[in-house]
Amino acid sequence: MPRFYFNVCCDRFEATDVVGEHCRDETAAHAEALRAARAIVRKQLLADDLPQHGWIEVEDESHRTVLKVPLRSAAY
């Protein structure tokens, strides 16, 4: 199973995923990125500190960007 990396980027910070997660394919990686976006948005809303712009950048095993999921997509 391939490994994908989920880097968080927003107005005030960046967090690079150095461990990654095994996902079946890009579709499963997209679902994982949406799950992570929901968790980030929930945490930031509780802290009343939601960033205006942000995304999760998904990289494949070769560290090529394959997806970019806006944090705003967690609202849908």
Protein backbone atom coordinates (compact mmCIF):
# COMPACT_ATOMS: atom_id res chain seq x y z
CA MET A 1 0.00 0.00 0.00
CA PRO A 2 1.46 3.40 -0.93
CA ARG A 3 2.35 6.02 1.67
CA PHE A 4 1.00 9.55 1.45
CA TYR A 5 2.11 12.64 3.37
CA PHE A 6 -0.33 15.27 4.64
CA ASN A 7 1.28 18.69 5.03
CA VAL A 8 -0.80 21.45 6.64
CA CYS A 9 -0.32 24.98 5.34
CA CYS A 10 -2.18 28.11 6.43
CA ASP A 11 -1.83 31.82 7.16
CA ARG A 12 0.22 31.46 10.32
CA PHE A 13 2.02 28.13 10.18
CA GLU A 14 3.08 25.08 8.21
CA ALA A 15 3.34 21.53 9.52
CA THR A 16 5.25 19.00 7.45
CA ASP A 17 4.22 15.37 7.77
CA VAL A 18 7.44 13.36 7.99
CA VAL A 19 5.76 10.05 8.88
CA GLY A 20 2.91 9.77 6.39
CA GLU A 21 0.00 7.34 6.25
CA HIS A 22 -0.61 4.24 4.18
CA CYS A 23 -3.64 4.71 1.93
CA ARG A 24 -5.07 2.37 -0.68
CA ASP A 25 -4.93 5.03 -3.43
CA GLU A 26 -5.38 8.76 -4.10
CA THR A 27 -9.11 8.52 -3.39
CA ALA A 28 -8.43 7.12 0.08
CA ALA A 29 -5.75 9.79 0.58
CA HIS A 30 -8.33 12.45 -0.33
CA ALA A 31 -10.74 11.04 2.27
CA GLU A 32 -7.95 11.10 4.88
CA ALA A 33 -7.12 14.73 3.98
CA LEU A 34 -10.79 15.70 4.44
CA ARG A 35 -10.84 13.94 7.83
CA ALA A 36 -7.72 15.84 8.87
CA ALA A 37 -9.20 19.14 7.61
CA ARG A 38 -12.34 18.58 9.69
CA ALA A 39 -10.24 17.91 12.80
CA ILE A 40 -8.17 21.07 12.24
CA VAL A 41 -11.21 23.25 11.62
CA ARG A 42 -13.01 21.83 14.68
CA LYS A 43 -9.98 22.49 16.90
CA GLN A 44 -9.48 26.01 15.55
CA LEU A 45 -13.18 26.87 15.89
CA LEU A 46 -13.12 25.79 19.56
CA ALA A 47 -10.09 28.02 20.09
CA ASP A 48 -11.79 30.85 18.15
CA ASP A 49 -8.69 30.97 15.95
CA LEU A 50 -9.76 29.77 12.51
CA PRO A 51 -7.25 30.69 9.78
CA GLN A 52 -8.63 32.58 6.79
CA HIS A 53 -6.74 30.54 4.21
CA GLY A 54 -5.31 27.09 4.55
CA TRP A 55 -5.02 23.72 2.90
CA ILE A 56 -3.67 20.22 3.28
CA GLU A 57 -1.14 19.33 0.63
CA VAL A 58 -1.03 15.59 -0.06
CA GLU A 59 2.22 14.17 -1.39
CA ASP A 60 2.90 10.70 -2.75
CA GLU A 61 5.86 8.48 -1.83
CA SER A 62 8.11 10.50 -4.14
CA HIS A 63 7.00 13.72 -2.36
CA ARG A 64 5.17 14.97 -5.44
CA THR A 65 2.01 16.94 -4.70
CA VAL A 66 -1.00 14.90 -5.82
CA LEU A 67 -3.81 16.77 -4.03
CA LYS A 68 -4.44 20.09 -2.39
CA VAL A 69 -7.47 20.10 -0.08
CA PRO A 70 -8.66 23.51 1.20
CA LEU A 71 -9.50 23.57 4.90
CA ARG A 72 -12.79 25.24 3.90
CA SER A 73 -13.81 21.97 2.24
CA ALA A 74 -14.29 20.55 5.75
CA ALA A 75 -17.48 22.60 5.96
CA TYR A 76 -19.16 20.52 3.23
